[in-house]
Structure formats: C-alpha cells, structure tokens
Amino acid sequence: MSKNTDLGLLILRIAVGALMLLHGIAKLGDVSFIEGMLSGKGLPSILAYGVYVTEIVAPLLIVVGYRTRLAALVFIFGNLFAFFLVHTAELFLLNDNGGWQLELLGLYLFGALTLFFTGGGKMAASSSNKWD
C-alpha cells in the first residue's frame, strides 16, 4: 500500500479545524464568562475576543488550507492560553476512565503542532508560501 501524506494532512486539517470551530461557534455573541476569567486574573477583558480568532478564524484557515502553518501557530497560542488560563489545575490529572483530563485540548494542541511543522499538504487552498 502506498502512502498518501497529503490525504492524511487533509484529514488532520479537517478534524482539528472543524472540531475546534464548533467550540468557537458556541461562543459567538457571548464571551462574558471569558471576560470574567480574564478580569479575575488581572488581564484586560478585551482579550476575550481573541477567542474568535483562535477558535473560528484560525480553524477555518486550517480546514481550507490557507496559510496553514500560520493559522496553526495562532491556534496553538489559543490552546496554550486555555491551558494556562483555565485548565492549569487539571494538567496532571486523570479522568474517571484513566485518560488524561485534558486529552481533548491536548489532541487539538498536538494536532496543530503537527500542522505547524508539516504545513497543509498539496490538498490545500495554498501550498507555495512558507506559511502554508
């Protein structure tokens, strides 16, 4: 059986981007809970609107395959922000089934990290720029 790396990268882009996009869409119009968390940590509440960039814009660019590496970098930043802002206490915990408490966020993070290093592949909207 021959390898098809570009098809694999397309599947990874769709999985990582589309699944995170659902999280972003759920936050459309109401980021007040994020503003509250930011204020509680002494950060400007305006940063809450960055969730739209990291959970809607970047995932859309990843799915389409336009500037995939740059979009993945933004996506990674958003995931790390979520790790350290919201989930620090869960970093070393296991869930009731024995899995890592943050496995979903970890899969998003490492999937995006993979795309940052590989790019989007030939089945992407753009593949000739250094950020693709």
N, C-alpha and C. Protein backbone atom coordinates (compact mmCIF):
# COMPACT_ATOMS: atom_id res chain seq x y z
N MET A 1 0.86 -1.17 0.00
CA MET A 1 0.00 0.00 0.00
C MET A 1 0.90 1.24 0.00
N SER A 2 0.59 2.18 -0.84
CA SER A 2 1.40 3.40 -0.91
C SER A 2 0.90 4.44 0.09
N LYS A 3 1.82 5.30 0.49
CA LYS A 3 1.46 6.37 1.42
C LYS A 3 0.79 7.51 0.67
N ASN A 4 -0.13 8.16 1.36
CA ASN A 4 -0.73 9.36 0.82
C ASN A 4 -0.71 10.42 1.92
N THR A 5 0.45 11.03 2.09
CA THR A 5 0.65 12.02 3.14
C THR A 5 -0.29 13.21 2.99
N ASP A 6 -0.52 13.64 1.76
CA ASP A 6 -1.37 14.81 1.55
C ASP A 6 -2.82 14.54 1.96
N LEU A 7 -3.31 13.35 1.70
CA LEU A 7 -4.66 12.99 2.15
C LEU A 7 -4.70 12.93 3.67
N GLY A 8 -3.66 12.38 4.29
CA GLY A 8 -3.58 12.35 5.75
C GLY A 8 -3.59 13.74 6.35
N LEU A 9 -2.85 14.67 5.74
CA LEU A 9 -2.83 16.05 6.23
C LEU A 9 -4.19 16.72 6.05
N LEU A 10 -4.88 16.41 4.95
CA LEU A 10 -6.23 16.95 4.75
C LEU A 10 -7.16 16.45 5.85
N ILE A 11 -7.11 15.17 6.15
CA ILE A 11 -7.95 14.61 7.20
C ILE A 11 -7.62 15.25 8.55
N LEU A 12 -6.34 15.42 8.84
CA LEU A 12 -5.94 16.07 10.10
C LEU A 12 -6.42 17.51 10.14
N ARG A 13 -6.30 18.24 9.03
CA ARG A 13 -6.77 19.64 8.99
C ARG A 13 -8.26 19.72 9.26
N ILE A 14 -9.02 18.85 8.62
CA ILE A 14 -10.48 18.87 8.79
C ILE A 14 -10.84 18.50 10.23
N ALA A 15 -10.20 17.47 10.77
CA ALA A 15 -10.53 17.03 12.14
C ALA A 15 -10.21 18.12 13.15
N VAL A 16 -9.00 18.64 13.12
CA VAL A 16 -8.59 19.65 14.10
C VAL A 16 -9.38 20.94 13.91
N GLY A 17 -9.47 21.41 12.68
CA GLY A 17 -10.14 22.68 12.42
C GLY A 17 -11.64 22.64 12.65
N ALA A 18 -12.30 21.65 12.09
CA ALA A 18 -13.77 21.60 12.18
C ALA A 18 -14.24 21.37 13.62
N LEU A 19 -13.54 20.50 14.34
CA LEU A 19 -13.96 20.24 15.72
C LEU A 19 -13.77 21.45 16.62
N MET A 20 -12.68 22.19 16.43
CA MET A 20 -12.48 23.41 17.23
C MET A 20 -13.45 24.50 16.79
N LEU A 21 -13.76 24.54 15.52
CA LEU A 21 -14.70 25.53 15.00
C LEU A 21 -16.03 25.47 15.74
N LEU A 22 -16.46 24.28 16.09
CA LEU A 22 -17.72 24.12 16.84
C LEU A 22 -17.64 24.81 18.20
N HIS A 23 -16.47 24.74 18.85
CA HIS A 23 -16.29 25.44 20.12
C HIS A 23 -16.40 26.95 19.92
N GLY A 24 -15.80 27.45 18.84
CA GLY A 24 -15.86 28.89 18.56
C GLY A 24 -17.26 29.36 18.25
N ILE A 25 -17.98 28.59 17.45
CA ILE A 25 -19.35 28.95 17.09
C ILE A 25 -20.23 29.01 18.33
N ALA A 26 -20.01 28.10 19.27
CA ALA A 26 -20.79 28.09 20.52
C ALA A 26 -20.55 29.35 21.34
N LYS A 27 -19.43 30.02 21.12
CA LYS A 27 -19.12 31.23 21.89
C LYS A 27 -19.54 32.51 21.18
N LEU A 28 -20.06 32.42 19.97
CA LEU A 28 -20.47 33.61 19.22
C LEU A 28 -21.48 34.42 20.01
N GLY A 29 -21.21 35.69 20.15
CA GLY A 29 -22.13 36.61 20.80
C GLY A 29 -22.05 36.68 22.31
N ASP A 30 -21.34 35.73 22.95
CA ASP A 30 -21.27 35.79 24.41
C ASP A 30 -19.94 35.26 24.90
N VAL A 31 -19.04 36.17 25.18
CA VAL A 31 -17.74 35.81 25.76
C VAL A 31 -17.62 36.38 27.16
N SER A 32 -18.76 36.67 27.78
CA SER A 32 -18.73 37.29 29.11
C SER A 32 -18.04 36.40 30.15
N PHE A 33 -18.22 35.09 30.04
CA PHE A 33 -17.56 34.20 31.00
C PHE A 33 -16.04 34.24 30.82
N ILE A 34 -15.58 34.42 29.60
CA ILE A 34 -14.14 34.54 29.35
C ILE A 34 -13.64 35.88 29.86
N GLU A 35 -14.44 36.93 29.64
CA GLU A 35 -14.06 38.26 30.16
C GLU A 35 -13.91 38.20 31.68
N GLY A 36 -14.82 37.49 32.35
CA GLY A 36 -14.76 37.36 33.80
C GLY A 36 -13.50 36.63 34.25
N MET A 37 -13.14 35.57 33.54
CA MET A 37 -11.92 34.83 33.89
C MET A 37 -10.68 35.71 33.72
N LEU A 38 -10.66 36.45 32.61
CA LEU A 38 -9.52 37.32 32.35
C LEU A 38 -9.40 38.41 33.41
N SER A 39 -10.52 39.03 33.74
CA SER A 39 -10.51 40.08 34.77
C SER A 39 -10.04 39.51 36.11
N GLY A 40 -10.48 38.30 36.42
CA GLY A 40 -10.07 37.66 37.66
C GLY A 40 -8.58 37.38 37.73
N LYS A 41 -7.95 37.25 36.58
CA LYS A 41 -6.50 37.00 36.52
C LYS A 41 -5.71 38.30 36.32
N GLY A 42 -6.44 39.45 36.32
CA GLY A 42 -5.77 40.73 36.16
C GLY A 42 -5.41 41.07 34.72
N LEU A 43 -6.05 40.39 33.76
CA LEU A 43 -5.80 40.65 32.34
C LEU A 43 -6.94 41.49 31.75
N PRO A 44 -6.66 42.26 30.71
CA PRO A 44 -7.72 43.07 30.10
C PRO A 44 -8.82 42.19 29.50
N SER A 45 -10.05 42.53 29.77
CA SER A 45 -11.17 41.72 29.30
C SER A 45 -11.33 41.74 27.78
N ILE A 46 -10.75 42.72 27.12
CA ILE A 46 -10.82 42.79 25.65
C ILE A 46 -10.16 41.57 25.00
N LEU A 47 -9.24 40.93 25.71
CA LEU A 47 -8.57 39.74 25.19
C LEU A 47 -9.55 38.59 24.94
N ALA A 48 -10.73 38.66 25.55
CA ALA A 48 -11.73 37.60 25.38
C ALA A 48 -12.13 37.47 23.91
N TYR A 49 -12.07 38.54 23.17
CA TYR A 49 -12.47 38.50 21.76
C TYR A 49 -11.43 37.78 20.90
N GLY A 50 -10.27 37.52 21.46
CA GLY A 50 -9.27 36.71 20.77
C GLY A 50 -9.74 35.28 20.55
N VAL A 51 -10.73 34.85 21.33
CA VAL A 51 -11.28 33.51 21.15
C VAL A 51 -11.86 33.37 19.74
N TYR A 52 -12.37 34.43 19.17
CA TYR A 52 -12.92 34.36 17.81
C TYR A 52 -11.81 34.13 16.78
N VAL A 53 -10.64 34.68 17.04
CA VAL A 53 -9.51 34.49 16.14
C VAL A 53 -8.98 33.07 16.29
N THR A 54 -8.83 32.62 17.53
CA THR A 54 -8.21 31.31 17.76
C THR A 54 -9.17 30.14 17.61
N GLU A 55 -10.48 30.37 17.72
CA GLU A 55 -11.43 29.26 17.63
C GLU A 55 -12.36 29.34 16.42
N ILE A 56 -12.29 30.42 15.63
CA ILE A 56 -13.11 30.50 14.42
C ILE A 56 -12.23 30.78 13.20
N VAL A 57 -11.49 31.88 13.22
CA VAL A 57 -10.70 32.27 12.04
C VAL A 57 -9.60 31.25 11.77
N ALA A 58 -8.77 30.96 12.76
CA ALA A 58 -7.66 30.02 12.57
C ALA A 58 -8.16 28.63 12.15
N PRO A 59 -9.19 28.07 12.81
CA PRO A 59 -9.68 26.77 12.36
C PRO A 59 -10.23 26.78 10.93
N LEU A 60 -10.90 27.86 10.53
CA LEU A 60 -11.37 27.95 9.15
C LEU A 60 -10.21 27.93 8.17
N LEU A 61 -9.16 28.70 8.48
CA LEU A 61 -7.98 28.72 7.62
C LEU A 61 -7.30 27.35 7.58
N ILE A 62 -7.29 26.65 8.70
CA ILE A 62 -6.70 25.31 8.75
C ILE A 62 -7.50 24.34 7.88
N VAL A 63 -8.82 24.36 8.00
CA VAL A 63 -9.66 23.46 7.21
C VAL A 63 -9.47 23.71 5.71
N VAL A 64 -9.49 24.97 5.33
CA VAL A 64 -9.34 25.32 3.91
C VAL A 64 -7.92 25.06 3.44
N GLY A 65 -6.96 25.22 4.32
CA GLY A 65 -5.57 25.03 3.96
C GLY A 65 -4.93 26.28 3.42
N TYR A 66 -5.31 27.41 3.95
CA TYR A 66 -4.71 28.68 3.53
C TYR A 66 -3.84 29.19 4.69
N ARG A 67 -2.56 29.32 4.42
CA ARG A 67 -1.57 29.73 5.44
C ARG A 67 -1.69 28.82 6.66
N THR A 68 -1.71 27.54 6.39
CA THR A 68 -1.94 26.53 7.43
C THR A 68 -0.97 26.65 8.59
N ARG A 69 0.31 26.84 8.29
CA ARG A 69 1.31 26.90 9.37
C ARG A 69 1.08 28.12 10.26
N LEU A 70 0.75 29.26 9.65
CA LEU A 70 0.48 30.47 10.42
C LEU A 70 -0.80 30.31 11.24
N ALA A 71 -1.84 29.75 10.62
CA ALA A 71 -3.10 29.52 11.33
C ALA A 71 -2.89 28.53 12.48
N ALA A 72 -2.07 27.51 12.26
CA ALA A 72 -1.78 26.54 13.31
C ALA A 72 -1.04 27.20 14.47
N LEU A 73 -0.15 28.13 14.16
CA LEU A 73 0.57 28.85 15.22
C LEU A 73 -0.39 29.67 16.08
N VAL A 74 -1.33 30.35 15.45
CA VAL A 74 -2.35 31.12 16.18
C VAL A 74 -3.21 30.17 17.01
N PHE A 75 -3.57 29.05 16.41
CA PHE A 75 -4.37 28.03 17.08
C PHE A 75 -3.63 27.47 18.30
N ILE A 76 -2.34 27.21 18.16
CA ILE A 76 -1.51 26.73 19.27
C ILE A 76 -1.51 27.76 20.40
N PHE A 77 -1.33 29.02 20.05
CA PHE A 77 -1.34 30.08 21.05
C PHE A 77 -2.65 30.08 21.83
N GLY A 78 -3.78 29.95 21.13
CA GLY A 78 -5.09 29.91 21.79
C GLY A 78 -5.22 28.71 22.71
N ASN A 79 -4.72 27.55 22.29
CA ASN A 79 -4.77 26.36 23.13
C ASN A 79 -3.91 26.52 24.37
N LEU A 80 -2.72 27.07 24.21
CA LEU A 80 -1.85 27.29 25.37
C LEU A 80 -2.48 28.29 26.34
N PHE A 81 -3.13 29.31 25.78
CA PHE A 81 -3.82 30.29 26.61
C PHE A 81 -4.91 29.60 27.43
N ALA A 82 -5.67 28.70 26.79
CA ALA A 82 -6.71 27.95 27.51
C ALA A 82 -6.10 27.04 28.58
N PHE A 83 -5.00 26.38 28.22
CA PHE A 83 -4.32 25.53 29.21
C PHE A 83 -3.99 26.32 30.47
N PHE A 84 -3.32 27.45 30.29
CA PHE A 84 -2.79 28.17 31.44
C PHE A 84 -3.81 29.10 32.11
N LEU A 85 -4.82 29.51 31.38
CA LEU A 85 -5.83 30.38 31.98
C LEU A 85 -6.91 29.58 32.71
N VAL A 86 -7.30 28.48 32.13
CA VAL A 86 -8.47 27.76 32.64
C VAL A 86 -8.13 26.39 33.24
N HIS A 87 -7.19 25.68 32.65
CA HIS A 87 -7.02 24.27 32.98
C HIS A 87 -5.73 23.91 33.71
N THR A 88 -5.05 24.86 34.30
CA THR A 88 -3.79 24.58 34.98
C THR A 88 -3.95 23.53 36.07
N ALA A 89 -5.02 23.59 36.81
CA ALA A 89 -5.23 22.64 37.92
C ALA A 89 -5.44 21.21 37.42
N GLU A 90 -5.84 21.05 36.16
CA GLU A 90 -6.12 19.72 35.60
C GLU A 90 -4.94 19.14 34.84
N LEU A 91 -3.85 19.86 34.76
CA LEU A 91 -2.73 19.49 33.91
C LEU A 91 -2.19 18.09 34.20
N PHE A 92 -2.17 17.68 35.45
CA PHE A 92 -1.61 16.38 35.81
C PHE A 92 -2.66 15.42 36.36
N LEU A 93 -3.91 15.64 35.99
CA LEU A 93 -5.00 14.78 36.48
C LEU A 93 -5.45 13.78 35.43
N LEU A 94 -5.98 12.67 35.90
CA LEU A 94 -6.59 11.68 35.02
C LEU A 94 -8.10 11.74 35.21
N ASN A 95 -8.85 11.40 34.16
CA ASN A 95 -10.31 11.39 34.28
C ASN A 95 -10.77 10.05 34.87
N ASP A 96 -12.05 9.86 34.99
CA ASP A 96 -12.61 8.65 35.62
C ASP A 96 -12.28 7.38 34.83
N ASN A 97 -11.97 7.53 33.55
CA ASN A 97 -11.66 6.37 32.71
C ASN A 97 -10.17 6.10 32.60
N GLY A 98 -9.36 6.88 33.31
CA GLY A 98 -7.92 6.67 33.29
C GLY A 98 -7.17 7.48 32.25
N GLY A 99 -7.90 8.24 31.45
CA GLY A 99 -7.26 9.08 30.44
C GLY A 99 -6.87 10.43 31.03
N TRP A 100 -6.06 11.15 30.30
CA TRP A 100 -5.63 12.48 30.73
C TRP A 100 -6.85 13.40 30.77
N GLN A 101 -6.99 14.14 31.82
CA GLN A 101 -8.13 15.05 32.00
C GLN A 101 -8.24 16.04 30.83
N LEU A 102 -7.12 16.42 30.26
CA LEU A 102 -7.11 17.42 29.19
C LEU A 102 -6.82 16.80 27.82
N GLU A 103 -7.22 15.56 27.62
CA GLU A 103 -6.85 14.88 26.39
C GLU A 103 -7.40 15.56 25.14
N LEU A 104 -8.61 16.09 25.20
CA LEU A 104 -9.16 16.76 24.02
C LEU A 104 -8.35 18.00 23.67
N LEU A 105 -8.08 18.82 24.65
CA LEU A 105 -7.27 20.00 24.42
C LEU A 105 -5.86 19.61 23.98
N GLY A 106 -5.34 18.53 24.54
CA GLY A 106 -4.03 18.03 24.13
C GLY A 106 -4.02 17.57 22.68
N LEU A 107 -5.07 16.89 22.25
CA LEU A 107 -5.15 16.46 20.86
C LEU A 107 -5.21 17.66 19.91
N TYR A 108 -5.98 18.68 20.28
CA TYR A 108 -6.01 19.90 19.47
C TYR A 108 -4.62 20.53 19.39
N LEU A 109 -3.97 20.64 20.54
CA LEU A 109 -2.66 21.27 20.61
C LEU A 109 -1.63 20.51 19.77
N PHE A 110 -1.54 19.20 19.95
CA PHE A 110 -0.54 18.43 19.23
C PHE A 110 -0.88 18.25 17.76
N GLY A 111 -2.17 18.23 17.43
CA GLY A 111 -2.57 18.21 16.01
C GLY A 111 -2.14 19.50 15.32
N ALA A 112 -2.36 20.62 15.97
CA ALA A 112 -1.96 21.91 15.42
C ALA A 112 -0.44 22.02 15.34
N LEU A 113 0.23 21.49 16.33
CA LEU A 113 1.70 21.50 16.33
C LEU A 113 2.23 20.68 15.14
N THR A 114 1.60 19.56 14.88
CA THR A 114 1.96 18.75 13.71
C THR A 114 1.77 19.54 12.43
N LEU A 115 0.64 20.22 12.29
CA LEU A 115 0.38 21.02 11.10
C LEU A 115 1.34 22.19 10.98
N PHE A 116 1.78 22.73 12.10
CA PHE A 116 2.76 23.81 12.06
C PHE A 116 4.06 23.31 11.42
N PHE A 117 4.47 22.10 11.75
CA PHE A 117 5.72 21.58 11.22
C PHE A 117 5.59 21.00 9.82
N THR A 118 4.41 20.49 9.45
CA THR A 118 4.25 19.85 8.15
C THR A 118 3.67 20.76 7.09
N GLY A 119 2.87 21.75 7.50
CA GLY A 119 2.11 22.51 6.53
C GLY A 119 0.84 21.75 6.18
N GLY A 120 0.06 22.31 5.29
CA GLY A 120 -1.24 21.73 4.96
C GLY A 120 -1.23 20.66 3.90
N GLY A 121 -0.12 20.48 3.20
CA GLY A 121 -0.05 19.48 2.13
C GLY A 121 -0.54 20.04 0.81
N LYS A 122 -0.51 19.17 -0.20
CA LYS A 122 -0.88 19.58 -1.56
C LYS A 122 -2.39 19.74 -1.75
N MET A 123 -3.19 19.15 -0.87
CA MET A 123 -4.64 19.28 -0.97
C MET A 123 -5.14 20.46 -0.16
N ALA A 124 -4.42 21.55 -0.23
CA ALA A 124 -4.76 22.76 0.50
C ALA A 124 -5.01 23.88 -0.50
N ALA A 125 -5.73 24.91 -0.07
CA ALA A 125 -6.01 26.04 -0.94
C ALA A 125 -4.73 26.73 -1.40
N SER A 126 -3.73 26.70 -0.58
CA SER A 126 -2.45 27.31 -0.91
C SER A 126 -1.35 26.44 -0.34
N SER A 127 -0.31 26.20 -1.15
CA SER A 127 0.78 25.35 -0.67
C SER A 127 2.16 25.83 -1.09
N SER A 128 2.26 27.06 -1.59
CA SER A 128 3.55 27.53 -2.09
C SER A 128 4.21 28.60 -1.21
N ASN A 129 3.49 29.12 -0.24
CA ASN A 129 4.04 30.12 0.65
C ASN A 129 4.73 29.45 1.83
N LYS A 130 5.72 30.11 2.44
CA LYS A 130 6.41 29.49 3.59
C LYS A 130 5.48 29.25 4.76
N TRP A 131 4.36 29.97 4.83
CA TRP A 131 3.39 29.79 5.92
C TRP A 131 2.30 28.79 5.57
N ASP A 132 2.41 28.16 4.43
CA ASP A 132 1.45 27.12 4.05
C ASP A 132 1.94 25.80 4.58
